[in-house]
């Protein structure tokens, strides 16, 4: 497993944990999950282009 694949898996888990449906993150709103989602999309695009 490469480092980029591991990074994408970790970011997916962070994105799931930051979703406002969970009791611990209801007050956070959509900010954290939106930021992590954008980072994940950028990394996936870079991964598919072969830059990482």
PDB file of N, CA and C in Angstrom:
ATOM      1  N   UNK A   1       0.843  -1.171   0.000  1.00  0.00           N
ATOM      2  CA  UNK A   1       0.000   0.000   0.000  1.00  0.00           C
ATOM      3  C   UNK A   1       0.894   1.241   0.000  1.00  0.00           C
ATOM      4  N   UNK A   2       0.598   2.154  -0.899  1.00  0.00           N
ATOM      5  CA  UNK A   2       1.419   3.357  -0.979  1.00  0.00           C
ATOM      6  C   UNK A   2       0.949   4.401   0.033  1.00  0.00           C
ATOM      7  N   UNK A   3       1.753   5.398   0.193  1.00  0.00           N
ATOM      8  CA  UNK A   3       1.446   6.462   1.149  1.00  0.00           C
ATOM      9  C   UNK A   3       0.219   7.248   0.729  1.00  0.00           C
ATOM     10  N   UNK A   4       0.059   7.483  -0.567  1.00  0.00           N
ATOM     11  CA  UNK A   4      -1.098   8.246  -1.029  1.00  0.00           C
ATOM     12  C   UNK A   4      -2.400   7.485  -0.801  1.00  0.00           C
ATOM     13  N   UNK A   5      -2.386   6.181  -0.989  1.00  0.00           N
ATOM     14  CA  UNK A   5      -3.585   5.384  -0.735  1.00  0.00           C
ATOM     15  C   UNK A   5      -3.940   5.418   0.741  1.00  0.00           C
ATOM     16  N   UNK A   6      -2.950   5.317   1.584  1.00  0.00           N
ATOM     17  CA  UNK A   6      -3.173   5.387   3.023  1.00  0.00           C
ATOM     18  C   UNK A   6      -3.720   6.754   3.420  1.00  0.00           C
ATOM     19  N   UNK A   7      -3.213   7.807   2.809  1.00  0.00           N
ATOM     20  CA  UNK A   7      -3.685   9.158   3.098  1.00  0.00           C
ATOM     21  C   UNK A   7      -5.142   9.329   2.685  1.00  0.00           C
ATOM     22  N   UNK A   8      -5.528   8.796   1.536  1.00  0.00           N
ATOM     23  CA  UNK A   8      -6.913   8.885   1.081  1.00  0.00           C
ATOM     24  C   UNK A   8      -7.835   8.125   2.025  1.00  0.00           C
ATOM     25  N   UNK A   9      -7.425   6.960   2.483  1.00  0.00           N
ATOM     26  CA  UNK A   9      -8.244   6.178   3.416  1.00  0.00           C
ATOM     27  C   UNK A   9      -8.428   6.922   4.730  1.00  0.00           C
ATOM     28  N   UNK A  10      -7.373   7.530   5.236  1.00  0.00           N
ATOM     29  CA  UNK A  10      -7.463   8.287   6.488  1.00  0.00           C
ATOM     30  C   UNK A  10      -8.379   9.492   6.321  1.00  0.00           C
ATOM     31  N   UNK A  11      -8.296  10.185   5.175  1.00  0.00           N
ATOM     32  CA  UNK A  11      -9.160  11.342   4.950  1.00  0.00           C
ATOM     33  C   UNK A  11     -10.625  10.940   4.816  1.00  0.00           C
ATOM     34  N   UNK A  12     -10.896   9.789   4.235  1.00  0.00           N
ATOM     35  CA  UNK A  12     -12.273   9.303   4.150  1.00  0.00           C
ATOM     36  C   UNK A  12     -12.819   9.033   5.549  1.00  0.00           C
ATOM     37  N   UNK A  13     -12.009   8.427   6.408  1.00  0.00           N
ATOM     38  CA  UNK A  13     -12.448   8.177   7.779  1.00  0.00           C
ATOM     39  C   UNK A  13     -12.678   9.472   8.553  1.00  0.00           C
ATOM     40  N   UNK A  14     -11.839  10.471   8.330  1.00  0.00           N
ATOM     41  CA  UNK A  14     -12.019  11.771   8.978  1.00  0.00           C
ATOM     42  C   UNK A  14     -13.289  12.436   8.472  1.00  0.00           C
ATOM     43  N   UNK A  15     -13.560  12.308   7.172  1.00  0.00           N
ATOM     44  CA  UNK A  15     -14.769  12.886   6.600  1.00  0.00           C
ATOM     45  C   UNK A  15     -16.013  12.248   7.193  1.00  0.00           C
ATOM     46  N   UNK A  16     -16.002  10.942   7.365  1.00  0.00           N
ATOM     47  CA  UNK A  16     -17.145  10.258   7.977  1.00  0.00           C
ATOM     48  C   UNK A  16     -17.316  10.699   9.431  1.00  0.00           C
ATOM     49  N   UNK A  17     -16.224  10.886  10.150  1.00  0.00           N
ATOM     50  CA  UNK A  17     -16.302  11.312  11.545  1.00  0.00           C
ATOM     51  C   UNK A  17     -16.745  12.749  11.723  1.00  0.00           C
ATOM     52  N   UNK A  18     -16.564  13.586  10.695  1.00  0.00           N
ATOM     53  CA  UNK A  18     -16.923  15.005  10.804  1.00  0.00           C
ATOM     54  C   UNK A  18     -18.318  15.307  10.290  1.00  0.00           C
ATOM     55  N   UNK A  19     -19.043  14.314   9.799  1.00  0.00           N
ATOM     56  CA  UNK A  19     -20.405  14.538   9.307  1.00  0.00           C
ATOM     57  C   UNK A  19     -21.281  14.986  10.477  1.00  0.00           C
ATOM     58  N   UNK A  20     -22.081  16.034  10.281  1.00  0.00           N
ATOM     59  CA  UNK A  20     -22.861  16.576  11.404  1.00  0.00           C
ATOM     60  C   UNK A  20     -23.968  15.664  11.929  1.00  0.00           C
ATOM     61  N   UNK A  21     -24.126  14.492  11.408  1.00  0.00           N
ATOM     62  CA  UNK A  21     -25.155  13.576  11.899  1.00  0.00           C
ATOM     63  C   UNK A  21     -24.740  12.912  13.215  1.00  0.00           C
ATOM     64  N   UNK A  22     -23.439  12.861  13.490  1.00  0.00           N
ATOM     65  CA  UNK A  22     -22.963  12.234  14.709  1.00  0.00           C
ATOM     66  C   UNK A  22     -23.196  13.171  15.891  1.00  0.00           C
ATOM     67  N   UNK A  23     -23.513  12.629  17.071  1.00  0.00           N
ATOM     68  CA  UNK A  23     -23.817  13.478  18.240  1.00  0.00           C
ATOM     69  C   UNK A  23     -22.676  14.408  18.649  1.00  0.00           C
ATOM     70  N   UNK A  24     -21.433  13.963  18.510  1.00  0.00           N
ATOM     71  CA  UNK A  24     -20.327  14.799  18.969  1.00  0.00           C
ATOM     72  C   UNK A  24     -20.051  15.972  18.037  1.00  0.00           C
ATOM     73  N   UNK A  25     -20.585  15.943  16.814  1.00  0.00           N
ATOM     74  CA  UNK A  25     -20.270  17.003  15.857  1.00  0.00           C
ATOM     75  C   UNK A  25     -21.494  17.763  15.369  1.00  0.00           C
ATOM     76  N   UNK A  26     -22.604  17.662  16.062  1.00  0.00           N
ATOM     77  CA  UNK A  26     -23.818  18.358  15.617  1.00  0.00           C
ATOM     78  C   UNK A  26     -23.651  19.879  15.647  1.00  0.00           C
ATOM     79  N   UNK A  27     -22.947  20.404  16.601  1.00  0.00           N
ATOM     80  CA  UNK A  27     -22.781  21.842  16.722  1.00  0.00           C
ATOM     81  C   UNK A  27     -21.749  22.429  15.771  1.00  0.00           C
ATOM     82  N   UNK A  28     -20.989  21.603  15.102  1.00  0.00           N
ATOM     83  CA  UNK A  28     -19.929  22.091  14.227  1.00  0.00           C
ATOM     84  C   UNK A  28     -20.470  22.619  12.908  1.00  0.00           C
ATOM     85  N   UNK A  29     -21.631  22.135  12.488  1.00  0.00           N
ATOM     86  CA  UNK A  29     -22.162  22.509  11.181  1.00  0.00           C
ATOM     87  C   UNK A  29     -21.462  21.725  10.086  1.00  0.00           C
ATOM     88  N   UNK A  30     -21.497  22.266   8.878  1.00  0.00           N
ATOM     89  CA  UNK A  30     -20.920  21.562   7.727  1.00  0.00           C
ATOM     90  C   UNK A  30     -19.491  22.006   7.413  1.00  0.00           C
ATOM     91  N   UNK A  31     -18.932  22.904   8.201  1.00  0.00           N
ATOM     92  CA  UNK A  31     -17.587  23.409   7.934  1.00  0.00           C
ATOM     93  C   UNK A  31     -16.506  22.347   7.891  1.00  0.00           C
ATOM     94  N   UNK A  32     -16.322  21.580   8.964  1.00  0.00           N
ATOM     95  CA  UNK A  32     -15.246  20.587   8.963  1.00  0.00           C
ATOM     96  C   UNK A  32     -15.405  19.511   7.886  1.00  0.00           C
ATOM     97  N   UNK A  33     -16.621  19.031   7.688  1.00  0.00           N
ATOM     98  CA  UNK A  33     -16.797  17.989   6.678  1.00  0.00           C
ATOM     99  C   UNK A  33     -16.618  18.565   5.278  1.00  0.00           C
ATOM    100  N   UNK A  34     -16.970  19.825   5.086  1.00  0.00           N
ATOM    101  CA  UNK A  34     -16.768  20.459   3.785  1.00  0.00           C
ATOM    102  C   UNK A  34     -15.301  20.645   3.458  1.00  0.00           C
ATOM    103  N   UNK A  35     -14.536  21.069   4.451  1.00  0.00           N
ATOM    104  CA  UNK A  35     -13.095  21.273   4.248  1.00  0.00           C
ATOM    105  C   UNK A  35     -12.397  19.945   3.966  1.00  0.00           C
ATOM    106  N   UNK A  36     -12.717  18.935   4.753  1.00  0.00           N
ATOM    107  CA  UNK A  36     -12.103  17.625   4.545  1.00  0.00           C
ATOM    108  C   UNK A  36     -12.548  17.041   3.210  1.00  0.00           C
ATOM    109  N   UNK A  37     -13.798  17.283   2.828  1.00  0.00           N
ATOM    110  CA  UNK A  37     -14.295  16.796   1.542  1.00  0.00           C
ATOM    111  C   UNK A  37     -13.557  17.420   0.368  1.00  0.00           C
ATOM    112  N   UNK A  38     -13.292  18.712   0.448  1.00  0.00           N
ATOM    113  CA  UNK A  38     -12.551  19.392  -0.617  1.00  0.00           C
ATOM    114  C   UNK A  38     -11.125  18.864  -0.695  1.00  0.00           C
ATOM    115  N   UNK A  39     -10.484  18.681   0.441  1.00  0.00           N
ATOM    116  CA  UNK A  39      -9.131  18.115   0.450  1.00  0.00           C
ATOM    117  C   UNK A  39      -9.130  16.716  -0.154  1.00  0.00           C
ATOM    118  N   UNK A  40     -10.134  15.918   0.181  1.00  0.00           N
ATOM    119  CA  UNK A  40     -10.240  14.563  -0.349  1.00  0.00           C
ATOM    120  C   UNK A  40     -10.433  14.578  -1.859  1.00  0.00           C
ATOM    121  N   UNK A  41     -11.272  15.463  -2.364  1.00  0.00           N
ATOM    122  CA  UNK A  41     -11.498  15.551  -3.810  1.00  0.00           C
ATOM    123  C   UNK A  41     -10.215  15.951  -4.532  1.00  0.00           C
ATOM    124  N   UNK A  42      -9.503  16.930  -3.997  1.00  0.00           N
ATOM    125  CA  UNK A  42      -8.244  17.356  -4.614  1.00  0.00           C
ATOM    126  C   UNK A  42      -7.233  16.213  -4.626  1.00  0.00           C
ATOM    127  N   UNK A  43      -7.117  15.487  -3.519  1.00  0.00           N
ATOM    128  CA  UNK A  43      -6.180  14.366  -3.470  1.00  0.00           C
ATOM    129  C   UNK A  43      -6.573  13.241  -4.414  1.00  0.00           C
ATOM    130  N   UNK A  44      -7.868  12.972  -4.540  1.00  0.00           N
ATOM    131  CA  UNK A  44      -8.311  11.951  -5.484  1.00  0.00           C
ATOM    132  C   UNK A  44      -8.004  12.336  -6.919  1.00  0.00           C
ATOM    133  N   UNK A  45      -8.206  13.605  -7.259  1.00  0.00           N
ATOM    134  CA  UNK A  45      -7.879  14.074  -8.609  1.00  0.00           C
ATOM    135  C   UNK A  45      -6.384  13.939  -8.867  1.00  0.00           C
ATOM    136  N   UNK A  46      -5.572  14.358  -7.905  1.00  0.00           N
ATOM    137  CA  UNK A  46      -4.122  14.229  -8.066  1.00  0.00           C
ATOM    138  C   UNK A  46      -3.695  12.770  -8.158  1.00  0.00           C
ATOM    139  N   UNK A  47      -4.348  11.906  -7.390  1.00  0.00           N
ATOM    140  CA  UNK A  47      -4.037  10.487  -7.434  1.00  0.00           C
ATOM    141  C   UNK A  47      -4.375   9.894  -8.789  1.00  0.00           C
ATOM    142  N   UNK A  48      -5.529  10.274  -9.343  1.00  0.00           N
ATOM    143  CA  UNK A  48      -5.928   9.756 -10.643  1.00  0.00           C
ATOM    144  C   UNK A  48      -5.054  10.295 -11.771  1.00  0.00           C
ATOM    145  N   UNK A  49      -4.530  11.507 -11.598  1.00  0.00           N
ATOM    146  CA  UNK A  49      -3.645  12.082 -12.617  1.00  0.00           C
ATOM    147  C   UNK A  49      -2.222  11.556 -12.497  1.00  0.00           C
ATOM    148  N   UNK A  50      -1.929  10.866 -11.428  1.00  0.00           N
ATOM    149  CA  UNK A  50      -0.602  10.297 -11.240  1.00  0.00           C
ATOM    150  C   UNK A  50       0.417  11.260 -10.672  1.00  0.00           C
ATOM    151  N   UNK A  51      -0.035  12.347 -10.080  1.00  0.00           N
ATOM    152  CA  UNK A  51       0.882  13.351  -9.517  1.00  0.00           C
ATOM    153  C   UNK A  51       1.364  12.973  -8.122  1.00  0.00           C
ATOM    154  N   UNK A  52       0.641  12.100  -7.442  1.00  0.00           N
ATOM    155  CA  UNK A  52       1.041  11.705  -6.083  1.00  0.00           C
ATOM    156  C   UNK A  52       1.638  10.320  -6.135  1.00  0.00           C
TER     157      UNK A  52
END
